[in-house]
Amino acid sequence: MSKGLFLKRFSIRTILDEAGVIWYLLSKLCEVINVVAVVDMGSNSFILLLQHEGETLLEEVYEVGLKSIEDEDEAFEVASQVISQIKTKVQNVPIHVFGTAIFRERPHLFERIVRQFRLKGEILSEEDEAYFTYMSVDPSFEKSITVFDLGGGSLEVVRKDWFMSLPLGTHVLNRLFDLSLPEIRQFEEAVKHVESMLPSFTNPVGVGGSFVAIASMKRGKWDLKAVEGFVLNWSDVEAVIERLRGNSFEQVRGWNVIPAGREKTIVAGCAVALAITKHEPVKVSTKGFRHTVARMLEEGGIQRPWARSG
């Protein structure tokens, strides 16, 4: 075999095996350098975070849509498929899982998953989820900001000394209003509903996949580094809605801008974002409570500083 032919074949095999090789090397690296693995188990998605000494090594989103799955066995199967993928990729590293709104409603489902895969984990209270998320943006509780953490089951509104949880998650809004593509028949009604429930706020920061998805649609690609700190105003959100309107779920998914599955919740996310940006532009954060708890686990354990101060 000629050297040129060997290199060509090696190059093709390398391309084909690249993902597997990367995951194998990453798994081995995690064993050596004491990486922390955290999974944010939400209503819309599960998010895997690998962190070492405060630095993000990997962040990967898996859409699950559990809020829209009423049958527990079906929900367990969907969740199990994702956790199996994560455990296959992150071998020999303890995985810490944290459940949010969907599992506060269905704790038995969380217990089944943890027991099946022998995971370390807990279901976060509304207060824990709110303040751990807030700390991902303002770890020292020094800023005058309002954090909006939008998930599938709820919208957490958090300031450094106060929080509230509102039933304005994207799956909740999808049940209350007809926000289906391509017509988006009740978008204006959904926006008014959100506005009627929002408290007063200043300096809003948007956390969660919906804000990231809207910013990504505006930029034309999914790039977490590029959208971190991106400022959305009402005209940006309006532009995204106009782009979505008239297109089917399949067409939006075919644009390959947002993760598959997110096309079912982005309109509801826009309703929340528009209600906020009508008052003030919102700064997008790609962080979340997972970054706070990962840092705390690296430092020795979960702490709740707001409980001591309050």
C-alpha atoms as a PDB file:
ATOM      1  CA  MET A   1       0.000   0.000   0.000  1.00  0.00           C
ATOM      2  CA  SER A   2       1.361   3.389  -0.936  1.00  0.00           C
ATOM      3  CA  LYS A   3       1.934   5.977   1.780  1.00  0.00           C
ATOM      4  CA  GLY A   4      -0.546   8.322   0.093  1.00  0.00           C
ATOM      5  CA  LEU A   5      -3.284   5.684   0.008  1.00  0.00           C
ATOM      6  CA  PHE A   6      -2.649   4.792   3.655  1.00  0.00           C
ATOM      7  CA  LEU A   7      -2.917   8.436   4.693  1.00  0.00           C
ATOM      8  CA  LYS A   8      -6.112   8.848   2.699  1.00  0.00           C
ATOM      9  CA  ARG A   9      -7.718   5.809   4.330  1.00  0.00           C
ATOM     10  CA  PHE A  10      -6.478   6.862   7.754  1.00  0.00           C
ATOM     11  CA  SER A  11      -7.935  10.308   7.236  1.00  0.00           C
ATOM     12  CA  ILE A  12     -11.350   8.888   6.300  1.00  0.00           C
ATOM     13  CA  ARG A  13     -11.353   6.525   9.291  1.00  0.00           C
ATOM     14  CA  THR A  14     -10.282   9.328  11.582  1.00  0.00           C
ATOM     15  CA  ILE A  15     -13.205  11.436  10.394  1.00  0.00           C
ATOM     16  CA  LEU A  16     -15.632   8.549  10.854  1.00  0.00           C
ATOM     17  CA  ASP A  17     -14.319   7.685  14.318  1.00  0.00           C
ATOM     18  CA  GLU A  18     -13.618  11.215  15.486  1.00  0.00           C
ATOM     19  CA  ALA A  19     -16.619  11.519  17.831  1.00  0.00           C
ATOM     20  CA  GLY A  20     -15.898   8.152  19.450  1.00  0.00           C
ATOM     21  CA  VAL A  21     -12.220   8.930  19.893  1.00  0.00           C
ATOM     22  CA  ILE A  22     -12.986  12.315  21.454  1.00  0.00           C
ATOM     23  CA  TRP A  23     -15.417  10.788  23.920  1.00  0.00           C
ATOM     24  CA  TYR A  24     -12.990   7.974  24.803  1.00  0.00           C
ATOM     25  CA  LEU A  25     -10.155  10.423  25.461  1.00  0.00           C
ATOM     26  CA  LEU A  26     -12.452  12.763  27.385  1.00  0.00           C
ATOM     27  CA  SER A  27     -13.672   9.888  29.551  1.00  0.00           C
ATOM     28  CA  LYS A  28     -10.099   8.853  30.353  1.00  0.00           C
ATOM     29  CA  LEU A  29      -9.121  12.463  31.062  1.00  0.00           C
ATOM     30  CA  CYS A  30     -12.047  12.795  33.482  1.00  0.00           C
ATOM     31  CA  GLU A  31     -10.746   9.844  35.484  1.00  0.00           C
ATOM     32  CA  VAL A  32      -7.347  11.486  35.921  1.00  0.00           C
ATOM     33  CA  ILE A  33      -8.205  15.111  36.722  1.00  0.00           C
ATOM     34  CA  ASN A  34     -11.248  14.688  38.988  1.00  0.00           C
ATOM     35  CA  VAL A  35     -13.890  16.209  36.757  1.00  0.00           C
ATOM     36  CA  VAL A  36     -17.333  17.004  38.178  1.00  0.00           C
ATOM     37  CA  ALA A  37     -20.294  15.808  36.074  1.00  0.00           C
ATOM     38  CA  VAL A  38     -23.678  17.452  36.684  1.00  0.00           C
ATOM     39  CA  VAL A  39     -26.955  16.848  34.875  1.00  0.00           C
ATOM     40  CA  ASP A  40     -29.686  19.495  35.010  1.00  0.00           C
ATOM     41  CA  MET A  41     -32.850  17.404  34.584  1.00  0.00           C
ATOM     42  CA  GLY A  42     -35.491  19.848  33.404  1.00  0.00           C
ATOM     43  CA  SER A  43     -38.937  19.711  31.878  1.00  0.00           C
ATOM     44  CA  ASN A  44     -37.742  20.624  28.368  1.00  0.00           C
ATOM     45  CA  SER A  45     -34.246  19.216  28.362  1.00  0.00           C
ATOM     46  CA  PHE A  46     -31.474  17.468  30.255  1.00  0.00           C
ATOM     47  CA  ILE A  47     -28.159  19.348  30.216  1.00  0.00           C
ATOM     48  CA  LEU A  48     -24.854  17.618  30.892  1.00  0.00           C
ATOM     49  CA  LEU A  49     -22.059  19.780  32.302  1.00  0.00           C
ATOM     50  CA  LEU A  50     -18.478  18.606  32.784  1.00  0.00           C
ATOM     51  CA  GLN A  51     -16.438  21.037  34.846  1.00  0.00           C
ATOM     52  CA  HIS A  52     -12.872  21.137  36.187  1.00  0.00           C
ATOM     53  CA  GLU A  53     -11.560  23.883  38.452  1.00  0.00           C
ATOM     54  CA  GLY A  54     -14.370  26.203  37.413  1.00  0.00           C
ATOM     55  CA  GLU A  55     -13.768  25.695  33.693  1.00  0.00           C
ATOM     56  CA  THR A  56     -16.420  24.141  31.470  1.00  0.00           C
ATOM     57  CA  LEU A  57     -14.991  21.167  29.585  1.00  0.00           C
ATOM     58  CA  LEU A  58     -18.257  20.176  27.961  1.00  0.00           C
ATOM     59  CA  GLU A  59     -21.882  21.252  27.927  1.00  0.00           C
ATOM     60  CA  GLU A  60     -24.400  19.212  25.964  1.00  0.00           C
ATOM     61  CA  VAL A  61     -28.183  19.595  25.655  1.00  0.00           C
ATOM     62  CA  TYR A  62     -30.620  16.685  25.225  1.00  0.00           C
ATOM     63  CA  GLU A  63     -34.218  17.624  24.434  1.00  0.00           C
ATOM     64  CA  VAL A  64     -36.736  15.432  26.323  1.00  0.00           C
ATOM     65  CA  GLY A  65     -40.041  17.341  26.545  1.00  0.00           C
ATOM     66  CA  LEU A  66     -41.134  15.463  29.672  1.00  0.00           C
ATOM     67  CA  LYS A  67     -43.777  18.047  30.576  1.00  0.00           C
ATOM     68  CA  SER A  68     -45.819  17.012  27.550  1.00  0.00           C
ATOM     69  CA  ILE A  69     -45.583  13.260  28.332  1.00  0.00           C
ATOM     70  CA  GLU A  70     -48.343  12.273  30.742  1.00  0.00           C
ATOM     71  CA  ASP A  71     -47.674   8.526  30.913  1.00  0.00           C
ATOM     72  CA  GLU A  72     -44.964   7.887  33.535  1.00  0.00           C
ATOM     73  CA  ASP A  73     -43.616   4.745  31.857  1.00  0.00           C
ATOM     74  CA  GLU A  74     -43.203   6.627  28.582  1.00  0.00           C
ATOM     75  CA  ALA A  75     -41.536   9.541  30.390  1.00  0.00           C
ATOM     76  CA  PHE A  76     -39.244   7.091  32.176  1.00  0.00           C
ATOM     77  CA  GLU A  77     -38.279   5.515  28.850  1.00  0.00           C
ATOM     78  CA  VAL A  78     -37.457   8.888  27.266  1.00  0.00           C
ATOM     79  CA  ALA A  79     -35.418   9.981  30.291  1.00  0.00           C
ATOM     80  CA  SER A  80     -33.666   6.614  30.491  1.00  0.00           C
ATOM     81  CA  GLN A  81     -32.523   6.789  26.883  1.00  0.00           C
ATOM     82  CA  VAL A  82     -30.849  10.134  27.551  1.00  0.00           C
ATOM     83  CA  ILE A  83     -29.255   9.074  30.842  1.00  0.00           C
ATOM     84  CA  SER A  84     -27.955   5.921  29.123  1.00  0.00           C
ATOM     85  CA  GLN A  85     -26.295   8.080  26.454  1.00  0.00           C
ATOM     86  CA  ILE A  86     -24.739  10.295  29.110  1.00  0.00           C
ATOM     87  CA  LYS A  87     -23.429   7.365  31.165  1.00  0.00           C
ATOM     88  CA  THR A  88     -21.951   5.796  28.035  1.00  0.00           C
ATOM     89  CA  LYS A  89     -20.115   9.001  27.202  1.00  0.00           C
ATOM     90  CA  VAL A  90     -19.012   9.860  30.741  1.00  0.00           C
ATOM     91  CA  GLN A  91     -17.682   6.612  32.140  1.00  0.00           C
ATOM     92  CA  ASN A  92     -16.012   6.134  35.527  1.00  0.00           C
ATOM     93  CA  VAL A  93     -17.068   9.609  36.661  1.00  0.00           C
ATOM     94  CA  PRO A  94     -19.724  10.072  39.384  1.00  0.00           C
ATOM     95  CA  ILE A  95     -22.732  11.822  37.880  1.00  0.00           C
ATOM     96  CA  HIS A  96     -24.750  14.206  40.059  1.00  0.00           C
ATOM     97  CA  VAL A  97     -28.311  14.774  38.842  1.00  0.00           C
ATOM     98  CA  PHE A  98     -30.651  17.564  39.924  1.00  0.00           C
ATOM     99  CA  GLY A  99     -34.367  17.567  39.150  1.00  0.00           C
ATOM    100  CA  THR A 100     -36.448  20.733  38.750  1.00  0.00           C
ATOM    101  CA  ALA A 101     -40.124  21.616  38.220  1.00  0.00           C
ATOM    102  CA  ILE A 102     -41.228  18.441  36.412  1.00  0.00           C
ATOM    103  CA  PHE A 103     -39.766  16.251  39.148  1.00  0.00           C
ATOM    104  CA  ARG A 104     -41.209  18.364  41.946  1.00  0.00           C
ATOM    105  CA  GLU A 105     -44.534  17.384  40.401  1.00  0.00           C
ATOM    106  CA  ARG A 106     -43.504  13.764  39.778  1.00  0.00           C
ATOM    107  CA  PRO A 107     -40.942  12.766  42.429  1.00  0.00           C
ATOM    108  CA  HIS A 108     -41.538   9.057  41.896  1.00  0.00           C
ATOM    109  CA  LEU A 109     -40.287   9.396  38.316  1.00  0.00           C
ATOM    110  CA  PHE A 110     -37.063  10.972  39.584  1.00  0.00           C
ATOM    111  CA  GLU A 111     -36.620   8.200  42.160  1.00  0.00           C
ATOM    112  CA  ARG A 112     -37.048   5.540  39.452  1.00  0.00           C
ATOM    113  CA  ILE A 113     -34.358   7.139  37.280  1.00  0.00           C
ATOM    114  CA  VAL A 114     -31.886   7.590  40.143  1.00  0.00           C
ATOM    115  CA  ARG A 115     -32.431   4.025  41.349  1.00  0.00           C
ATOM    116  CA  GLN A 116     -32.220   2.500  37.856  1.00  0.00           C
ATOM    117  CA  PHE A 117     -28.885   4.158  37.034  1.00  0.00           C
ATOM    118  CA  ARG A 118     -27.432   4.350  40.567  1.00  0.00           C
ATOM    119  CA  LEU A 119     -26.994   8.095  40.425  1.00  0.00           C
ATOM    120  CA  LYS A 120     -26.321  10.676  43.096  1.00  0.00           C
ATOM    121  CA  GLY A 121     -28.999  13.327  43.054  1.00  0.00           C
ATOM    122  CA  GLU A 122     -31.801  15.349  44.530  1.00  0.00           C
ATOM    123  CA  ILE A 123     -34.864  17.299  43.511  1.00  0.00           C
ATOM    124  CA  LEU A 124     -34.255  21.008  43.997  1.00  0.00           C
ATOM    125  CA  SER A 125     -36.888  23.091  45.750  1.00  0.00           C
ATOM    126  CA  GLU A 126     -38.180  26.197  43.993  1.00  0.00           C
ATOM    127  CA  GLU A 127     -35.978  28.266  46.302  1.00  0.00           C
ATOM    128  CA  ASP A 128     -32.870  26.187  45.613  1.00  0.00           C
ATOM    129  CA  GLU A 129     -33.387  26.280  41.860  1.00  0.00           C
ATOM    130  CA  ALA A 130     -34.018  30.030  41.927  1.00  0.00           C
ATOM    131  CA  TYR A 131     -30.994  31.037  43.990  1.00  0.00           C
ATOM    132  CA  PHE A 132     -28.539  28.531  42.518  1.00  0.00           C
ATOM    133  CA  THR A 133     -29.512  29.914  39.105  1.00  0.00           C
ATOM    134  CA  TYR A 134     -29.138  33.476  40.345  1.00  0.00           C
ATOM    135  CA  MET A 135     -25.666  32.643  41.697  1.00  0.00           C
ATOM    136  CA  SER A 136     -24.560  31.474  38.247  1.00  0.00           C
ATOM    137  CA  VAL A 137     -24.922  35.126  37.183  1.00  0.00           C
ATOM    138  CA  ASP A 138     -24.136  36.916  40.460  1.00  0.00           C
ATOM    139  CA  PRO A 139     -22.298  34.502  42.810  1.00  0.00           C
ATOM    140  CA  SER A 140     -21.652  37.143  45.488  1.00  0.00           C
ATOM    141  CA  PHE A 141     -25.188  38.614  45.570  1.00  0.00           C
ATOM    142  CA  GLU A 142     -23.843  42.068  44.728  1.00  0.00           C
ATOM    143  CA  LYS A 143     -25.726  43.116  41.588  1.00  0.00           C
ATOM    144  CA  SER A 144     -29.057  44.873  41.113  1.00  0.00           C
ATOM    145  CA  ILE A 145     -30.466  42.504  38.517  1.00  0.00           C
ATOM    146  CA  THR A 146     -33.561  40.385  37.971  1.00  0.00           C
ATOM    147  CA  VAL A 147     -32.915  36.878  36.698  1.00  0.00           C
ATOM    148  CA  PHE A 148     -35.628  35.187  34.626  1.00  0.00           C
ATOM    149  CA  ASP A 149     -35.059  31.431  34.462  1.00  0.00           C
ATOM    150  CA  LEU A 150     -37.463  29.977  31.899  1.00  0.00           C
ATOM    151  CA  GLY A 151     -38.052  26.241  31.792  1.00  0.00           C
ATOM    152  CA  GLY A 152     -40.791  23.979  30.547  1.00  0.00           C
ATOM    153  CA  GLY A 153     -42.763  23.903  33.790  1.00  0.00           C
ATOM    154  CA  SER A 154     -42.168  27.305  35.350  1.00  0.00           C
ATOM    155  CA  LEU A 155     -40.606  30.740  35.158  1.00  0.00           C
ATOM    156  CA  GLU A 156     -38.424  31.635  38.135  1.00  0.00           C
ATOM    157  CA  VAL A 157     -38.036  35.375  38.791  1.00  0.00           C
ATOM    158  CA  VAL A 158     -35.115  36.047  41.123  1.00  0.00           C
ATOM    159  CA  ARG A 159     -33.457  39.017  42.743  1.00  0.00           C
ATOM    160  CA  LYS A 160     -30.657  38.769  45.296  1.00  0.00           C
ATOM    161  CA  ASP A 161     -33.069  38.979  48.221  1.00  0.00           C
ATOM    162  CA  TRP A 162     -36.350  37.700  46.739  1.00  0.00           C
ATOM    163  CA  PHE A 163     -37.783  35.188  44.286  1.00  0.00           C
ATOM    164  CA  MET A 164     -41.063  33.898  42.931  1.00  0.00           C
ATOM    165  CA  SER A 165     -42.013  30.924  40.783  1.00  0.00           C
ATOM    166  CA  LEU A 166     -44.669  31.494  38.135  1.00  0.00           C
ATOM    167  CA  PRO A 167     -46.636  28.881  36.114  1.00  0.00           C
ATOM    168  CA  LEU A 168     -45.366  30.331  32.852  1.00  0.00           C
ATOM    169  CA  GLY A 169     -43.122  27.553  31.555  1.00  0.00           C
ATOM    170  CA  THR A 170     -43.090  26.942  27.815  1.00  0.00           C
ATOM    171  CA  HIS A 171     -45.049  23.671  28.019  1.00  0.00           C
ATOM    172  CA  VAL A 172     -47.572  25.350  30.332  1.00  0.00           C
ATOM    173  CA  LEU A 173     -48.106  28.159  27.818  1.00  0.00           C
ATOM    174  CA  ASN A 174     -48.385  25.634  24.984  1.00  0.00           C
ATOM    175  CA  ARG A 175     -51.266  23.993  26.848  1.00  0.00           C
ATOM    176  CA  LEU A 176     -53.027  27.281  27.596  1.00  0.00           C
ATOM    177  CA  PHE A 177     -52.704  28.827  24.130  1.00  0.00           C
ATOM    178  CA  ASP A 178     -52.509  27.707  20.517  1.00  0.00           C
ATOM    179  CA  LEU A 179     -48.884  28.557  19.745  1.00  0.00           C
ATOM    180  CA  SER A 180     -48.381  25.821  17.168  1.00  0.00           C
ATOM    181  CA  LEU A 181     -46.560  26.497  13.945  1.00  0.00           C
ATOM    182  CA  PRO A 182     -47.216  27.589  11.303  1.00  0.00           C
ATOM    183  CA  GLU A 183     -50.183  29.801  12.293  1.00  0.00           C
ATOM    184  CA  ILE A 184     -49.248  30.772  15.903  1.00  0.00           C
ATOM    185  CA  ARG A 185     -52.886  31.768  16.417  1.00  0.00           C
ATOM    186  CA  GLN A 186     -52.813  32.980  20.037  1.00  0.00           C
ATOM    187  CA  PHE A 187     -49.396  34.580  20.422  1.00  0.00           C
ATOM    188  CA  GLU A 188     -50.686  38.025  21.398  1.00  0.00           C
ATOM    189  CA  GLU A 189     -52.993  36.482  24.002  1.00  0.00           C
ATOM    190  CA  ALA A 190     -50.063  34.532  25.464  1.00  0.00           C
ATOM    191  CA  VAL A 191     -47.921  37.675  25.695  1.00  0.00           C
ATOM    192  CA  LYS A 192     -50.700  39.549  27.521  1.00  0.00           C
ATOM    193  CA  HIS A 193     -51.124  36.616  29.917  1.00  0.00           C
ATOM    194  CA  VAL A 194     -47.410  36.644  30.759  1.00  0.00           C
ATOM    195  CA  GLU A 195     -47.378  40.433  31.168  1.00  0.00           C
ATOM    196  CA  SER A 196     -50.297  40.270  33.600  1.00  0.00           C
ATOM    197  CA  MET A 197     -48.329  37.955  35.910  1.00  0.00           C
ATOM    198  CA  LEU A 198     -44.860  39.527  35.823  1.00  0.00           C
ATOM    199  CA  PRO A 199     -43.700  41.532  38.842  1.00  0.00           C
ATOM    200  CA  SER A 200     -41.897  44.836  38.442  1.00  0.00           C
ATOM    201  CA  PHE A 201     -38.237  44.409  37.557  1.00  0.00           C
ATOM    202  CA  THR A 202     -35.032  46.125  36.471  1.00  0.00           C
ATOM    203  CA  ASN A 203     -31.916  44.956  34.586  1.00  0.00           C
ATOM    204  CA  PRO A 204     -33.340  41.618  33.408  1.00  0.00           C
ATOM    205  CA  VAL A 205     -31.095  38.641  32.670  1.00  0.00           C
ATOM    206  CA  GLY A 206     -32.593  35.720  30.747  1.00  0.00           C
ATOM    207  CA  VAL A 207     -31.445  32.214  31.672  1.00  0.00           C
ATOM    208  CA  GLY A 208     -32.589  29.014  29.985  1.00  0.00           C
ATOM    209  CA  GLY A 209     -32.687  27.344  26.604  1.00  0.00           C
ATOM    210  CA  SER A 210     -35.496  29.511  25.249  1.00  0.00           C
ATOM    211  CA  PHE A 211     -33.538  32.758  25.615  1.00  0.00           C
ATOM    212  CA  VAL A 212     -30.490  31.077  24.088  1.00  0.00           C
ATOM    213  CA  ALA A 213     -32.625  29.738  21.228  1.00  0.00           C
ATOM    214  CA  ILE A 214     -34.121  33.157  20.463  1.00  0.00           C
ATOM    215  CA  ALA A 215     -30.673  34.787  20.442  1.00  0.00           C
ATOM    216  CA  SER A 216     -29.381  31.958  18.245  1.00  0.00           C
ATOM    217  CA  MET A 217     -32.250  32.462  15.791  1.00  0.00           C
ATOM    218  CA  LYS A 218     -31.386  36.138  15.668  1.00  0.00           C
ATOM    219  CA  ARG A 219     -27.708  35.347  14.974  1.00  0.00           C
ATOM    220  CA  GLY A 220     -28.465  32.472  12.609  1.00  0.00           C
ATOM    221  CA  LYS A 221     -26.513  29.734  14.402  1.00  0.00           C
ATOM    222  CA  TRP A 222     -26.252  27.878  17.713  1.00  0.00           C
ATOM    223  CA  ASP A 223     -23.100  29.128  19.432  1.00  0.00           C
ATOM    224  CA  LEU A 224     -23.161  29.367  23.235  1.00  0.00           C
ATOM    225  CA  LYS A 225     -20.054  31.522  23.440  1.00  0.00           C
ATOM    226  CA  ALA A 226     -21.426  33.965  20.865  1.00  0.00           C
ATOM    227  CA  VAL A 227     -24.799  34.449  22.599  1.00  0.00           C
ATOM    228  CA  GLU A 228     -23.428  34.774  26.156  1.00  0.00           C
ATOM    229  CA  GLY A 229     -24.204  38.371  27.108  1.00  0.00           C
ATOM    230  CA  PHE A 230     -26.229  38.988  23.921  1.00  0.00           C
ATOM    231  CA  VAL A 231     -28.822  41.716  24.519  1.00  0.00           C
ATOM    232  CA  LEU A 232     -32.304  40.992  23.155  1.00  0.00           C
ATOM    233  CA  ASN A 233     -34.738  43.828  22.618  1.00  0.00           C
ATOM    234  CA  TRP A 234     -38.406  43.626  21.651  1.00  0.00           C
ATOM    235  CA  SER A 235     -37.701  44.128  17.946  1.00  0.00           C
ATOM    236  CA  ASP A 236     -35.326  41.132  17.987  1.00  0.00           C
ATOM    237  CA  VAL A 237     -38.043  38.910  19.456  1.00  0.00           C
ATOM    238  CA  GLU A 238     -40.623  40.259  16.997  1.00  0.00           C
ATOM    239  CA  ALA A 239     -38.239  39.496  14.135  1.00  0.00           C
ATOM    240  CA  VAL A 240     -37.810  35.898  15.311  1.00  0.00           C
ATOM    241  CA  ILE A 241     -41.590  35.426  15.580  1.00  0.00           C
ATOM    242  CA  GLU A 242     -42.093  36.801  12.073  1.00  0.00           C
ATOM    243  CA  ARG A 243     -39.439  34.438  10.759  1.00  0.00           C
ATOM    244  CA  LEU A 244     -41.136  31.487  12.477  1.00  0.00           C
ATOM    245  CA  ARG A 245     -44.661  32.381  11.405  1.00  0.00           C
ATOM    246  CA  GLY A 246     -45.802  30.479   8.333  1.00  0.00           C
ATOM    247  CA  ASN A 247     -43.221  27.703   8.744  1.00  0.00           C
ATOM    248  CA  SER A 248     -43.923  24.177   9.967  1.00  0.00           C
ATOM    249  CA  PHE A 249     -42.122  22.460  12.828  1.00  0.00           C
ATOM    250  CA  GLU A 250     -40.271  20.365  10.238  1.00  0.00           C
ATOM    251  CA  GLN A 251     -39.140  23.431   8.308  1.00  0.00           C
ATOM    252  CA  VAL A 252     -37.824  25.158  11.436  1.00  0.00           C
ATOM    253  CA  ARG A 253     -36.040  21.981  12.506  1.00  0.00           C
ATOM    254  CA  GLY A 254     -34.528  21.819   9.030  1.00  0.00           C
ATOM    255  CA  TRP A 255     -32.865  25.214   9.505  1.00  0.00           C
ATOM    256  CA  ASN A 256     -30.465  23.478  11.944  1.00  0.00           C
ATOM    257  CA  VAL A 257     -30.165  26.582  14.107  1.00  0.00           C
ATOM    258  CA  ILE A 258     -31.678  25.320  17.365  1.00  0.00           C
ATOM    259  CA  PRO A 259     -31.574  21.782  18.858  1.00  0.00           C
ATOM    260  CA  ALA A 260     -34.151  19.330  17.531  1.00  0.00           C
ATOM    261  CA  GLY A 261     -37.234  19.489  19.733  1.00  0.00           C
ATOM    262  CA  ARG A 262     -36.732  23.137  20.667  1.00  0.00           C
ATOM    263  CA  GLU A 263     -38.912  24.178  17.692  1.00  0.00           C
ATOM    264  CA  LYS A 264     -41.927  23.032  19.753  1.00  0.00           C
ATOM    265  CA  THR A 265     -41.263  25.500  22.588  1.00  0.00           C
ATOM    266  CA  ILE A 266     -39.533  28.496  21.000  1.00  0.00           C
ATOM    267  CA  VAL A 267     -42.797  30.353  20.274  1.00  0.00           C
ATOM    268  CA  ALA A 268     -43.820  30.101  23.931  1.00  0.00           C
ATOM    269  CA  GLY A 269     -40.319  31.272  24.842  1.00  0.00           C
ATOM    270  CA  CYS A 270     -40.789  34.260  22.550  1.00  0.00           C
ATOM    271  CA  ALA A 271     -44.045  35.125  24.337  1.00  0.00           C
ATOM    272  CA  VAL A 272     -42.179  35.362  27.656  1.00  0.00           C
ATOM    273  CA  ALA A 273     -39.220  37.185  26.105  1.00  0.00           C
ATOM    274  CA  LEU A 274     -41.478  39.726  24.388  1.00  0.00           C
ATOM    275  CA  ALA A 275     -43.395  40.411  27.610  1.00  0.00           C
ATOM    276  CA  ILE A 276     -40.074  41.166  29.314  1.00  0.00           C
ATOM    277  CA  THR A 277     -38.440  43.155  26.505  1.00  0.00           C
ATOM    278  CA  LYS A 278     -41.479  45.404  26.151  1.00  0.00           C
ATOM    279  CA  HIS A 279     -40.238  46.919  29.416  1.00  0.00           C
ATOM    280  CA  GLU A 280     -36.460  46.524  29.114  1.00  0.00           C
ATOM    281  CA  PRO A 281     -33.953  44.690  26.893  1.00  0.00           C
ATOM    282  CA  VAL A 282     -32.874  41.364  28.410  1.00  0.00           C
ATOM    283  CA  LYS A 283     -29.296  40.130  28.595  1.00  0.00           C
ATOM    284  CA  VAL A 284     -28.920  36.448  27.697  1.00  0.00           C
ATOM    285  CA  SER A 285     -26.953  34.118  29.963  1.00  0.00           C
ATOM    286  CA  THR A 286     -26.035  30.585  28.920  1.00  0.00           C
ATOM    287  CA  LYS A 287     -25.345  29.663  32.548  1.00  0.00           C
ATOM    288  CA  GLY A 288     -27.673  27.974  34.994  1.00  0.00           C
ATOM    289  CA  PHE A 289     -27.867  26.373  38.418  1.00  0.00           C
ATOM    290  CA  ARG A 290     -25.722  23.494  37.139  1.00  0.00           C
ATOM    291  CA  HIS A 291     -22.684  25.796  37.036  1.00  0.00           C
ATOM    292  CA  THR A 292     -23.238  26.849  40.638  1.00  0.00           C
ATOM    293  CA  VAL A 293     -23.664  23.332  42.028  1.00  0.00           C
ATOM    294  CA  ALA A 294     -20.717  22.036  39.968  1.00  0.00           C
ATOM    295  CA  ARG A 295     -18.493  24.721  41.461  1.00  0.00           C
ATOM    296  CA  MET A 296     -19.748  23.912  44.951  1.00  0.00           C
ATOM    297  CA  LEU A 297     -19.151  20.192  44.460  1.00  0.00           C
ATOM    298  CA  GLU A 298     -15.585  20.975  43.417  1.00  0.00           C
ATOM    299  CA  GLU A 299     -15.188  23.052  46.571  1.00  0.00           C
ATOM    300  CA  GLY A 300     -16.434  20.289  48.848  1.00  0.00           C
ATOM    301  CA  GLY A 301     -20.228  20.310  48.916  1.00  0.00           C
ATOM    302  CA  ILE A 302     -23.511  22.085  48.310  1.00  0.00           C
ATOM    303  CA  GLN A 303     -23.988  25.292  50.309  1.00  0.00           C
ATOM    304  CA  ARG A 304     -27.042  27.550  50.602  1.00  0.00           C
ATOM    305  CA  PRO A 305     -25.720  30.992  51.578  1.00  0.00           C
ATOM    306  CA  TRP A 306     -29.132  32.685  51.289  1.00  0.00           C
ATOM    307  CA  ALA A 307     -30.447  30.382  54.052  1.00  0.00           C
ATOM    308  CA  ARG A 308     -27.742  31.610  56.441  1.00  0.00           C
ATOM    309  CA  SER A 309     -28.268  35.277  55.581  1.00  0.00           C
ATOM    310  CA  GLY A 310     -32.053  35.033  55.630  1.00  0.00           C
END
